[in-house]
Amino acid sequence: MSEYQRKARSTAIYPKKYKLYYPATGLAGETGELLNKIKKRMRDRKKLDKEDIMAELGDVLWYVSQVATDMGLSLDEVAKYNIAKLKSRKMRGKLKGSGDNR
């Protein structure tokens, strides 16, 4: 993940004054594009194109990487943190439900 993050950062060309805001809004847009492809699959009852989905997921990953970098976080530490959080929820029987502090 850290190699990806380093290489992805080398392609980030947004102004520093938009640090965090640019990639966060881009993440929302790319997530919308991914969901739109899935929506059209439901509407048209057609098979999802794996390459289209992979391209959209790659764009989402790029923006996640930039948000992490702008916040001084590595994707490795984000992934480790997330797994620890999910393991804790599983052990406590709190995987279902909603809310950040389960």
PDB file of N, CA and C in Angstrom:
ATOM      1  N   MET A   1       0.828  -1.199   0.000  1.00  0.00           N
ATOM      2  CA  MET A   1       0.000   0.000   0.000  1.00  0.00           C
ATOM      3  C   MET A   1       0.871   1.261   0.000  1.00  0.00           C
ATOM      4  N   SER A   2       1.979   1.230   0.725  1.00  0.00           N
ATOM      5  CA  SER A   2       2.806   2.434   0.783  1.00  0.00           C
ATOM      6  C   SER A   2       3.450   2.739  -0.572  1.00  0.00           C
ATOM      7  N   GLU A   3       3.798   1.704  -1.331  1.00  0.00           N
ATOM      8  CA  GLU A   3       4.343   1.943  -2.672  1.00  0.00           C
ATOM      9  C   GLU A   3       3.276   2.569  -3.569  1.00  0.00           C
ATOM     10  N   TYR A   4       2.058   2.041  -3.492  1.00  0.00           N
ATOM     11  CA  TYR A   4       0.960   2.636  -4.261  1.00  0.00           C
ATOM     12  C   TYR A   4       0.784   4.098  -3.862  1.00  0.00           C
ATOM     13  N   GLN A   5       0.764   4.364  -2.570  1.00  0.00           N
ATOM     14  CA  GLN A   5       0.531   5.724  -2.080  1.00  0.00           C
ATOM     15  C   GLN A   5       1.617   6.673  -2.583  1.00  0.00           C
ATOM     16  N   ARG A   6       2.848   6.227  -2.566  1.00  0.00           N
ATOM     17  CA  ARG A   6       3.953   7.056  -3.041  1.00  0.00           C
ATOM     18  C   ARG A   6       3.813   7.336  -4.536  1.00  0.00           C
ATOM     19  N   LYS A   7       3.522   6.292  -5.307  1.00  0.00           N
ATOM     20  CA  LYS A   7       3.378   6.466  -6.758  1.00  0.00           C
ATOM     21  C   LYS A   7       2.152   7.308  -7.098  1.00  0.00           C
ATOM     22  N   ALA A   8       1.055   7.098  -6.384  1.00  0.00           N
ATOM     23  CA  ALA A   8      -0.157   7.884  -6.629  1.00  0.00           C
ATOM     24  C   ALA A   8       0.100   9.356  -6.324  1.00  0.00           C
ATOM     25  N   ARG A   9       0.855   9.621  -5.267  1.00  0.00           N
ATOM     26  CA  ARG A   9       1.126  11.012  -4.892  1.00  0.00           C
ATOM     27  C   ARG A   9       1.896  11.736  -5.983  1.00  0.00           C
ATOM     28  N   SER A  10       2.740  10.991  -6.694  1.00  0.00           N
ATOM     29  CA  SER A  10       3.529  11.629  -7.746  1.00  0.00           C
ATOM     30  C   SER A  10       2.652  12.121  -8.896  1.00  0.00           C
ATOM     31  N   THR A  11       1.391  11.699  -8.932  1.00  0.00           N
ATOM     32  CA  THR A  11       0.474  12.145  -9.989  1.00  0.00           C
ATOM     33  C   THR A  11      -0.529  13.185  -9.488  1.00  0.00           C
ATOM     34  N   ALA A  12      -0.425  13.570  -8.236  1.00  0.00           N
ATOM     35  CA  ALA A  12      -1.350  14.558  -7.663  1.00  0.00           C
ATOM     36  C   ALA A  12      -0.888  15.959  -8.060  1.00  0.00           C
ATOM     37  N   ILE A  13      -1.734  16.673  -8.797  1.00  0.00           N
ATOM     38  CA  ILE A  13      -1.348  18.006  -9.269  1.00  0.00           C
ATOM     39  C   ILE A  13      -2.391  19.060  -8.902  1.00  0.00           C
ATOM     40  N   TYR A  14      -2.901  18.989  -7.696  1.00  0.00           N
ATOM     41  CA  TYR A  14      -3.848  20.009  -7.257  1.00  0.00           C
ATOM     42  C   TYR A  14      -3.132  21.011  -6.349  1.00  0.00           C
ATOM     43  N   PRO A  15      -3.600  22.250  -6.338  1.00  0.00           N
ATOM     44  CA  PRO A  15      -2.942  23.286  -5.536  1.00  0.00           C
ATOM     45  C   PRO A  15      -2.966  22.948  -4.041  1.00  0.00           C
ATOM     46  N   LYS A  16      -1.864  23.245  -3.367  1.00  0.00           N
ATOM     47  CA  LYS A  16      -1.756  22.958  -1.930  1.00  0.00           C
ATOM     48  C   LYS A  16      -2.831  23.662  -1.120  1.00  0.00           C
ATOM     49  N   LYS A  17      -3.324  24.803  -1.619  1.00  0.00           N
ATOM     50  CA  LYS A  17      -4.363  25.512  -0.859  1.00  0.00           C
ATOM     51  C   LYS A  17      -5.662  24.703  -0.818  1.00  0.00           C
ATOM     52  N   TYR A  18      -5.790  23.715  -1.723  1.00  0.00           N
ATOM     53  CA  TYR A  18      -6.974  22.853  -1.726  1.00  0.00           C
ATOM     54  C   TYR A  18      -6.683  21.489  -1.107  1.00  0.00           C
ATOM     55  N   LYS A  19      -5.562  21.414  -0.404  1.00  0.00           N
ATOM     56  CA  LYS A  19      -5.179  20.189   0.280  1.00  0.00           C
ATOM     57  C   LYS A  19      -6.377  19.682   1.078  1.00  0.00           C
ATOM     58  N   LEU A  20      -6.641  18.445   1.003  1.00  0.00           N
ATOM     59  CA  LEU A  20      -7.737  17.735   1.649  1.00  0.00           C
ATOM     60  C   LEU A  20      -9.072  17.965   0.950  1.00  0.00           C
ATOM     61  N   TYR A  21      -9.428  19.214   0.664  1.00  0.00           N
ATOM     62  CA  TYR A  21     -10.729  19.496   0.049  1.00  0.00           C
ATOM     63  C   TYR A  21     -10.836  18.923  -1.363  1.00  0.00           C
ATOM     64  N   TYR A  22      -9.798  19.111  -2.154  1.00  0.00           N
ATOM     65  CA  TYR A  22      -9.825  18.602  -3.525  1.00  0.00           C
ATOM     66  C   TYR A  22      -9.979  17.085  -3.549  1.00  0.00           C
ATOM     67  N   PRO A  23      -9.130  16.337  -2.843  1.00  0.00           N
ATOM     68  CA  PRO A  23      -9.293  14.884  -2.908  1.00  0.00           C
ATOM     69  C   PRO A  23     -10.561  14.380  -2.215  1.00  0.00           C
ATOM     70  N   ALA A  24     -11.010  15.057  -1.180  1.00  0.00           N
ATOM     71  CA  ALA A  24     -12.232  14.608  -0.499  1.00  0.00           C
ATOM     72  C   ALA A  24     -13.445  14.755  -1.407  1.00  0.00           C
ATOM     73  N   THR A  25     -13.536  15.864  -2.116  1.00  0.00           N
ATOM     74  CA  THR A  25     -14.666  16.026  -3.029  1.00  0.00           C
ATOM     75  C   THR A  25     -14.520  15.121  -4.248  1.00  0.00           C
ATOM     76  N   GLY A  26     -13.293  14.897  -4.682  1.00  0.00           N
ATOM     77  CA  GLY A  26     -13.056  13.947  -5.774  1.00  0.00           C
ATOM     78  C   GLY A  26     -13.467  12.540  -5.386  1.00  0.00           C
ATOM     79  N   LEU A  27     -13.211  12.181  -4.139  1.00  0.00           N
ATOM     80  CA  LEU A  27     -13.607  10.863  -3.636  1.00  0.00           C
ATOM     81  C   LEU A  27     -15.122  10.701  -3.706  1.00  0.00           C
ATOM     82  N   ALA A  28     -15.840  11.736  -3.327  1.00  0.00           N
ATOM     83  CA  ALA A  28     -17.304  11.675  -3.401  1.00  0.00           C
ATOM     84  C   ALA A  28     -17.760  11.498  -4.846  1.00  0.00           C
ATOM     85  N   GLY A  29     -17.139  12.229  -5.759  1.00  0.00           N
ATOM     86  CA  GLY A  29     -17.509  12.130  -7.167  1.00  0.00           C
ATOM     87  C   GLY A  29     -17.231  10.753  -7.745  1.00  0.00           C
ATOM     88  N   GLU A  30     -16.065  10.213  -7.459  1.00  0.00           N
ATOM     89  CA  GLU A  30     -15.717   8.891  -7.990  1.00  0.00           C
ATOM     90  C   GLU A  30     -16.572   7.793  -7.371  1.00  0.00           C
ATOM     91  N   THR A  31     -16.914   7.944  -6.106  1.00  0.00           N
ATOM     92  CA  THR A  31     -17.810   6.982  -5.470  1.00  0.00           C
ATOM     93  C   THR A  31     -19.166   7.031  -6.164  1.00  0.00           C
ATOM     94  N   GLY A  32     -19.606   8.227  -6.503  1.00  0.00           N
ATOM     95  CA  GLY A  32     -20.857   8.379  -7.246  1.00  0.00           C
ATOM     96  C   GLY A  32     -20.795   7.702  -8.608  1.00  0.00           C
ATOM     97  N   GLU A  33     -19.664   7.827  -9.295  1.00  0.00           N
ATOM     98  CA  GLU A  33     -19.519   7.174 -10.597  1.00  0.00           C
ATOM     99  C   GLU A  33     -19.587   5.653 -10.459  1.00  0.00           C
ATOM    100  N   LEU A  34     -18.962   5.112  -9.430  1.00  0.00           N
ATOM    101  CA  LEU A  34     -19.026   3.670  -9.174  1.00  0.00           C
ATOM    102  C   LEU A  34     -20.467   3.241  -8.929  1.00  0.00           C
ATOM    103  N   LEU A  35     -21.162   3.967  -8.082  1.00  0.00           N
ATOM    104  CA  LEU A  35     -22.549   3.640  -7.775  1.00  0.00           C
ATOM    105  C   LEU A  35     -23.440   3.780  -8.998  1.00  0.00           C
ATOM    106  N   ASN A  36     -23.151   4.743  -9.853  1.00  0.00           N
ATOM    107  CA  ASN A  36     -23.934   4.934 -11.061  1.00  0.00           C
ATOM    108  C   ASN A  36     -23.816   3.722 -11.986  1.00  0.00           C
ATOM    109  N   LYS A  37     -22.626   3.171 -12.098  1.00  0.00           N
ATOM    110  CA  LYS A  37     -22.445   1.971 -12.927  1.00  0.00           C
ATOM    111  C   LYS A  37     -23.245   0.799 -12.360  1.00  0.00           C
ATOM    112  N   ILE A  38     -23.244   0.665 -11.040  1.00  0.00           N
ATOM    113  CA  ILE A  38     -24.006  -0.414 -10.400  1.00  0.00           C
ATOM    114  C   ILE A  38     -25.502  -0.170 -10.566  1.00  0.00           C
ATOM    115  N   LYS A  39     -25.933   1.077 -10.442  1.00  0.00           N
ATOM    116  CA  LYS A  39     -27.345   1.434 -10.637  1.00  0.00           C
ATOM    117  C   LYS A  39     -27.812   1.072 -12.041  1.00  0.00           C
ATOM    118  N   LYS A  40     -26.992   1.411 -13.044  1.00  0.00           N
ATOM    119  CA  LYS A  40     -27.364   1.117 -14.424  1.00  0.00           C
ATOM    120  C   LYS A  40     -27.438  -0.385 -14.658  1.00  0.00           C
ATOM    121  N   ARG A  41     -26.628  -1.143 -13.951  1.00  0.00           N
ATOM    122  CA  ARG A  41     -26.696  -2.602 -14.044  1.00  0.00           C
ATOM    123  C   ARG A  41     -28.043  -3.091 -13.533  1.00  0.00           C
ATOM    124  N   MET A  42     -28.493  -2.526 -12.425  1.00  0.00           N
ATOM    125  CA  MET A  42     -29.794  -2.907 -11.871  1.00  0.00           C
ATOM    126  C   MET A  42     -30.913  -2.490 -12.819  1.00  0.00           C
ATOM    127  N   ARG A  43     -30.836  -1.273 -13.323  1.00  0.00           N
ATOM    128  CA  ARG A  43     -31.873  -0.746 -14.206  1.00  0.00           C
ATOM    129  C   ARG A  43     -31.958  -1.526 -15.515  1.00  0.00           C
ATOM    130  N   ASP A  44     -30.813  -1.763 -16.127  1.00  0.00           N
ATOM    131  CA  ASP A  44     -30.785  -2.383 -17.451  1.00  0.00           C
ATOM    132  C   ASP A  44     -30.663  -3.903 -17.410  1.00  0.00           C
ATOM    133  N   ARG A  45     -30.491  -4.427 -16.205  1.00  0.00           N
ATOM    134  CA  ARG A  45     -30.336  -5.878 -16.016  1.00  0.00           C
ATOM    135  C   ARG A  45     -29.239  -6.459 -16.899  1.00  0.00           C
ATOM    136  N   LYS A  46     -28.132  -5.735 -16.921  1.00  0.00           N
ATOM    137  CA  LYS A  46     -26.982  -6.173 -17.697  1.00  0.00           C
ATOM    138  C   LYS A  46     -25.866  -6.575 -16.751  1.00  0.00           C
ATOM    139  N   LYS A  47     -24.968  -7.379 -17.264  1.00  0.00           N
ATOM    140  CA  LYS A  47     -23.808  -7.819 -16.487  1.00  0.00           C
ATOM    141  C   LYS A  47     -22.879  -6.627 -16.234  1.00  0.00           C
ATOM    142  N   LEU A  48     -22.333  -6.566 -15.024  1.00  0.00           N
ATOM    143  CA  LEU A  48     -21.355  -5.529 -14.717  1.00  0.00           C
ATOM    144  C   LEU A  48     -20.067  -5.811 -15.475  1.00  0.00           C
ATOM    145  N   ASP A  49     -19.482  -4.790 -16.014  1.00  0.00           N
ATOM    146  CA  ASP A  49     -18.196  -4.913 -16.686  1.00  0.00           C
ATOM    147  C   ASP A  49     -17.095  -4.775 -15.629  1.00  0.00           C
ATOM    148  N   LYS A  50     -16.350  -5.859 -15.402  1.00  0.00           N
ATOM    149  CA  LYS A  50     -15.324  -5.841 -14.357  1.00  0.00           C
ATOM    150  C   LYS A  50     -14.264  -4.778 -14.600  1.00  0.00           C
ATOM    151  N   GLU A  51     -13.932  -4.537 -15.849  1.00  0.00           N
ATOM    152  CA  GLU A  51     -12.922  -3.527 -16.145  1.00  0.00           C
ATOM    153  C   GLU A  51     -13.425  -2.128 -15.780  1.00  0.00           C
ATOM    154  N   ASP A  52     -14.704  -1.842 -16.057  1.00  0.00           N
ATOM    155  CA  ASP A  52     -15.285  -0.552 -15.660  1.00  0.00           C
ATOM    156  C   ASP A  52     -15.240  -0.389 -14.142  1.00  0.00           C
ATOM    157  N   ILE A  53     -15.621  -1.455 -13.439  1.00  0.00           N
ATOM    158  CA  ILE A  53     -15.627  -1.394 -11.978  1.00  0.00           C
ATOM    159  C   ILE A  53     -14.210  -1.231 -11.445  1.00  0.00           C
ATOM    160  N   MET A  54     -13.258  -1.954 -12.038  1.00  0.00           N
ATOM    161  CA  MET A  54     -11.872  -1.833 -11.604  1.00  0.00           C
ATOM    162  C   MET A  54     -11.364  -0.410 -11.819  1.00  0.00           C
ATOM    163  N   ALA A  55     -11.714   0.194 -12.933  1.00  0.00           N
ATOM    164  CA  ALA A  55     -11.290   1.569 -13.203  1.00  0.00           C
ATOM    165  C   ALA A  55     -11.863   2.535 -12.166  1.00  0.00           C
ATOM    166  N   GLU A  56     -13.137   2.380 -11.855  1.00  0.00           N
ATOM    167  CA  GLU A  56     -13.759   3.267 -10.859  1.00  0.00           C
ATOM    168  C   GLU A  56     -13.176   3.033  -9.466  1.00  0.00           C
ATOM    169  N   LEU A  57     -12.976   1.768  -9.102  1.00  0.00           N
ATOM    170  CA  LEU A  57     -12.358   1.470  -7.803  1.00  0.00           C
ATOM    171  C   LEU A  57     -10.948   2.042  -7.724  1.00  0.00           C
ATOM    172  N   GLY A  58     -10.227   1.996  -8.835  1.00  0.00           N
ATOM    173  CA  GLY A  58      -8.894   2.593  -8.865  1.00  0.00           C
ATOM    174  C   GLY A  58      -8.945   4.089  -8.625  1.00  0.00           C
ATOM    175  N   ASP A  59      -9.931   4.746  -9.222  1.00  0.00           N
ATOM    176  CA  ASP A  59     -10.084   6.191  -8.995  1.00  0.00           C
ATOM    177  C   ASP A  59     -10.435   6.477  -7.538  1.00  0.00           C
ATOM    178  N   VAL A  60     -11.312   5.668  -6.956  1.00  0.00           N
ATOM    179  CA  VAL A  60     -11.662   5.823  -5.540  1.00  0.00           C
ATOM    180  C   VAL A  60     -10.408   5.639  -4.688  1.00  0.00           C
ATOM    181  N   LEU A  61      -9.630   4.600  -4.989  1.00  0.00           N
ATOM    182  CA  LEU A  61      -8.401   4.335  -4.230  1.00  0.00           C
ATOM    183  C   LEU A  61      -7.429   5.512  -4.338  1.00  0.00           C
ATOM    184  N   TRP A  62      -7.307   6.088  -5.527  1.00  0.00           N
ATOM    185  CA  TRP A  62      -6.406   7.226  -5.701  1.00  0.00           C
ATOM    186  C   TRP A  62      -6.804   8.370  -4.774  1.00  0.00           C
ATOM    187  N   TYR A  63      -8.093   8.686  -4.753  1.00  0.00           N
ATOM    188  CA  TYR A  63      -8.545   9.792  -3.903  1.00  0.00           C
ATOM    189  C   TYR A  63      -8.419   9.459  -2.415  1.00  0.00           C
ATOM    190  N   VAL A  64      -8.692   8.220  -2.028  1.00  0.00           N
ATOM    191  CA  VAL A  64      -8.487   7.807  -0.630  1.00  0.00           C
ATOM    192  C   VAL A  64      -7.018   8.004  -0.268  1.00  0.00           C
ATOM    193  N   SER A  65      -6.146   7.611  -1.174  1.00  0.00           N
ATOM    194  CA  SER A  65      -4.713   7.752  -0.940  1.00  0.00           C
ATOM    195  C   SER A  65      -4.319   9.213  -0.741  1.00  0.00           C
ATOM    196  N   GLN A  66      -4.904  10.103  -1.533  1.00  0.00           N
ATOM    197  CA  GLN A  66      -4.560  11.523  -1.410  1.00  0.00           C
ATOM    198  C   GLN A  66      -5.093  12.116  -0.112  1.00  0.00           C
ATOM    199  N   VAL A  67      -6.294  11.734   0.279  1.00  0.00           N
ATOM    200  CA  VAL A  67      -6.825  12.212   1.568  1.00  0.00           C
ATOM    201  C   VAL A  67      -5.906  11.756   2.695  1.00  0.00           C
ATOM    202  N   ALA A  68      -5.519  10.490   2.663  1.00  0.00           N
ATOM    203  CA  ALA A  68      -4.621   9.966   3.697  1.00  0.00           C
ATOM    204  C   ALA A  68      -3.301  10.735   3.711  1.00  0.00           C
ATOM    205  N   THR A  69      -2.716  10.925   2.541  1.00  0.00           N
ATOM    206  CA  THR A  69      -1.444  11.644   2.463  1.00  0.00           C
ATOM    207  C   THR A  69      -1.585  13.064   2.985  1.00  0.00           C
ATOM    208  N   ASP A  70      -2.645  13.746   2.584  1.00  0.00           N
ATOM    209  CA  ASP A  70      -2.856  15.122   3.044  1.00  0.00           C
ATOM    210  C   ASP A  70      -3.042  15.198   4.560  1.00  0.00           C
ATOM    211  N   MET A  71      -3.509  14.115   5.151  1.00  0.00           N
ATOM    212  CA  MET A  71      -3.689  14.077   6.611  1.00  0.00           C
ATOM    213  C   MET A  71      -2.472  13.507   7.336  1.00  0.00           C
ATOM    214  N   GLY A  72      -1.430  13.186   6.574  1.00  0.00           N
ATOM    215  CA  GLY A  72      -0.215  12.647   7.188  1.00  0.00           C
ATOM    216  C   GLY A  72      -0.353  11.193   7.608  1.00  0.00           C
ATOM    217  N   LEU A  73      -1.238  10.465   6.948  1.00  0.00           N
ATOM    218  CA  LEU A  73      -1.473   9.057   7.266  1.00  0.00           C
ATOM    219  C   LEU A  73      -0.981   8.167   6.138  1.00  0.00           C
ATOM    220  N   SER A  74      -0.489   6.993   6.485  1.00  0.00           N
ATOM    221  CA  SER A  74      -0.150   6.023   5.451  1.00  0.00           C
ATOM    222  C   SER A  74      -1.343   5.092   5.253  1.00  0.00           C
ATOM    223  N   LEU A  75      -1.513   4.611   4.031  1.00  0.00           N
ATOM    224  CA  LEU A  75      -2.588   3.650   3.779  1.00  0.00           C
ATOM    225  C   LEU A  75      -2.385   2.385   4.597  1.00  0.00           C
ATOM    226  N   ASP A  76      -1.126   2.032   4.858  1.00  0.00           N
ATOM    227  CA  ASP A  76      -0.859   0.866   5.698  1.00  0.00           C
ATOM    228  C   ASP A  76      -1.448   1.053   7.097  1.00  0.00           C
ATOM    229  N   GLU A  77      -1.224   2.225   7.684  1.00  0.00           N
ATOM    230  CA  GLU A  77      -1.754   2.443   9.031  1.00  0.00           C
ATOM    231  C   GLU A  77      -3.273   2.577   9.017  1.00  0.00           C
ATOM    232  N   VAL A  78      -3.838   3.146   7.968  1.00  0.00           N
ATOM    233  CA  VAL A  78      -5.298   3.231   7.852  1.00  0.00           C
ATOM    234  C   VAL A  78      -5.887   1.820   7.790  1.00  0.00           C
ATOM    235  N   ALA A  79      -5.276   0.958   6.971  1.00  0.00           N
ATOM    236  CA  ALA A  79      -5.762  -0.424   6.837  1.00  0.00           C
ATOM    237  C   ALA A  79      -5.644  -1.182   8.159  1.00  0.00           C
ATOM    238  N   LYS A  80      -4.514  -1.051   8.841  1.00  0.00           N
ATOM    239  CA  LYS A  80      -4.323  -1.733  10.138  1.00  0.00           C
ATOM    240  C   LYS A  80      -5.337  -1.246  11.170  1.00  0.00           C
ATOM    241  N   TYR A  81      -5.549   0.058  11.218  1.00  0.00           N
ATOM    242  CA  TYR A  81      -6.516   0.638  12.143  1.00  0.00           C
ATOM    243  C   TYR A  81      -7.911   0.089  11.873  1.00  0.00           C
ATOM    244  N   ASN A  82      -8.271   0.027  10.589  1.00  0.00           N
ATOM    245  CA  ASN A  82      -9.604  -0.440  10.220  1.00  0.00           C
ATOM    246  C   ASN A  82      -9.805  -1.909  10.604  1.00  0.00           C
ATOM    247  N   ILE A  83      -8.810  -2.742  10.347  1.00  0.00           N
ATOM    248  CA  ILE A  83      -8.916  -4.164  10.699  1.00  0.00           C
ATOM    249  C   ILE A  83      -9.045  -4.324  12.206  1.00  0.00           C
ATOM    250  N   ALA A  84      -8.256  -3.575  12.974  1.00  0.00           N
ATOM    251  CA  ALA A  84      -8.345  -3.648  14.440  1.00  0.00           C
ATOM    252  C   ALA A  84      -9.734  -3.233  14.916  1.00  0.00           C
ATOM    253  N   LYS A  85     -10.283  -2.187  14.328  1.00  0.00           N
ATOM    254  CA  LYS A  85     -11.631  -1.717  14.690  1.00  0.00           C
ATOM    255  C   LYS A  85     -12.672  -2.792  14.383  1.00  0.00           C
ATOM    256  N   LEU A  86     -12.570  -3.390  13.201  1.00  0.00           N
ATOM    257  CA  LEU A  86     -13.539  -4.420  12.816  1.00  0.00           C
ATOM    258  C   LEU A  86     -13.410  -5.673  13.671  1.00  0.00           C
ATOM    259  N   LYS A  87     -12.186  -6.064  14.007  1.00  0.00           N
ATOM    260  CA  LYS A  87     -11.985  -7.224  14.888  1.00  0.00           C
ATOM    261  C   LYS A  87     -12.609  -6.979  16.257  1.00  0.00           C
ATOM    262  N   SER A  88     -12.421  -5.765  16.767  1.00  0.00           N
ATOM    263  CA  SER A  88     -12.999  -5.411  18.060  1.00  0.00           C
ATOM    264  C   SER A  88     -14.523  -5.487  18.005  1.00  0.00           C
ATOM    265  N   ARG A  89     -15.102  -4.953  16.952  1.00  0.00           N
ATOM    266  CA  ARG A  89     -16.563  -5.010  16.813  1.00  0.00           C
ATOM    267  C   ARG A  89     -17.044  -6.450  16.712  1.00  0.00           C
ATOM    268  N   LYS A  90     -16.314  -7.259  15.977  1.00  0.00           N
ATOM    269  CA  LYS A  90     -16.706  -8.671  15.831  1.00  0.00           C
ATOM    270  C   LYS A  90     -16.662  -9.380  17.178  1.00  0.00           C
ATOM    271  N   MET A  91     -15.580  -9.157  17.924  1.00  0.00           N
ATOM    272  CA  MET A  91     -15.444  -9.801  19.240  1.00  0.00           C
ATOM    273  C   MET A  91     -16.561  -9.371  20.192  1.00  0.00           C
ATOM    274  N   ARG A  92     -17.005  -8.152  20.076  1.00  0.00           N
ATOM    275  CA  ARG A  92     -18.056  -7.630  20.947  1.00  0.00           C
ATOM    276  C   ARG A  92     -19.449  -7.820  20.376  1.00  0.00           C
ATOM    277  N   GLY A  93     -19.543  -8.496  19.212  1.00  0.00           N
ATOM    278  CA  GLY A  93     -20.847  -8.719  18.588  1.00  0.00           C
ATOM    279  C   GLY A  93     -21.489  -7.445  18.077  1.00  0.00           C
ATOM    280  N   LYS A  94     -20.668  -6.501  17.606  1.00  0.00           N
ATOM    281  CA  LYS A  94     -21.178  -5.194  17.191  1.00  0.00           C
ATOM    282  C   LYS A  94     -20.942  -4.911  15.706  1.00  0.00           C
ATOM    283  N   LEU A  95     -20.777  -5.957  14.889  1.00  0.00           N
ATOM    284  CA  LEU A  95     -20.582  -5.720  13.453  1.00  0.00           C
ATOM    285  C   LEU A  95     -21.853  -5.170  12.811  1.00  0.00           C
ATOM    286  N   LYS A  96     -22.988  -5.607  13.290  1.00  0.00           N
ATOM    287  CA  LYS A  96     -24.265  -5.110  12.752  1.00  0.00           C
ATOM    288  C   LYS A  96     -24.640  -3.840  13.485  1.00  0.00           C
ATOM    289  N   GLY A  97     -25.550  -3.100  12.908  1.00  0.00           N
ATOM    290  CA  GLY A  97     -25.998  -1.872  13.550  1.00  0.00           C
ATOM    291  C   GLY A  97     -25.376  -0.674  12.890  1.00  0.00           C
ATOM    292  N   SER A  98     -25.482   0.473  13.526  1.00  0.00           N
ATOM    293  CA  SER A  98     -24.925   1.685  12.947  1.00  0.00           C
ATOM    294  C   SER A  98     -24.274   2.515  14.029  1.00  0.00           C
ATOM    295  N   GLY A  99     -23.537   3.496  13.602  1.00  0.00           N
ATOM    296  CA  GLY A  99     -22.854   4.383  14.526  1.00  0.00           C
ATOM    297  C   GLY A  99     -21.358   4.130  14.525  1.00  0.00           C
ATOM    298  N   ASP A 100     -20.611   5.194  14.737  1.00  0.00           N
ATOM    299  CA  ASP A 100     -19.153   5.085  14.723  1.00  0.00           C
ATOM    300  C   ASP A 100     -18.613   4.385  15.966  1.00  0.00           C
ATOM    301  N   ASN A 101     -19.257   4.577  17.097  1.00  0.00           N
ATOM    302  CA  ASN A 101     -18.720   4.061  18.356  1.00  0.00           C
ATOM    303  C   ASN A 101     -19.420   2.807  18.829  1.00  0.00           C
ATOM    304  N   ARG A 102     -19.397   1.762  17.983  1.00  0.00           N
ATOM    305  CA  ARG A 102     -20.052   0.514  18.368  1.00  0.00           C
ATOM    306  C   ARG A 102     -19.069  -0.412  19.032  1.00  0.00           C
TER     307      ARG A 102
END
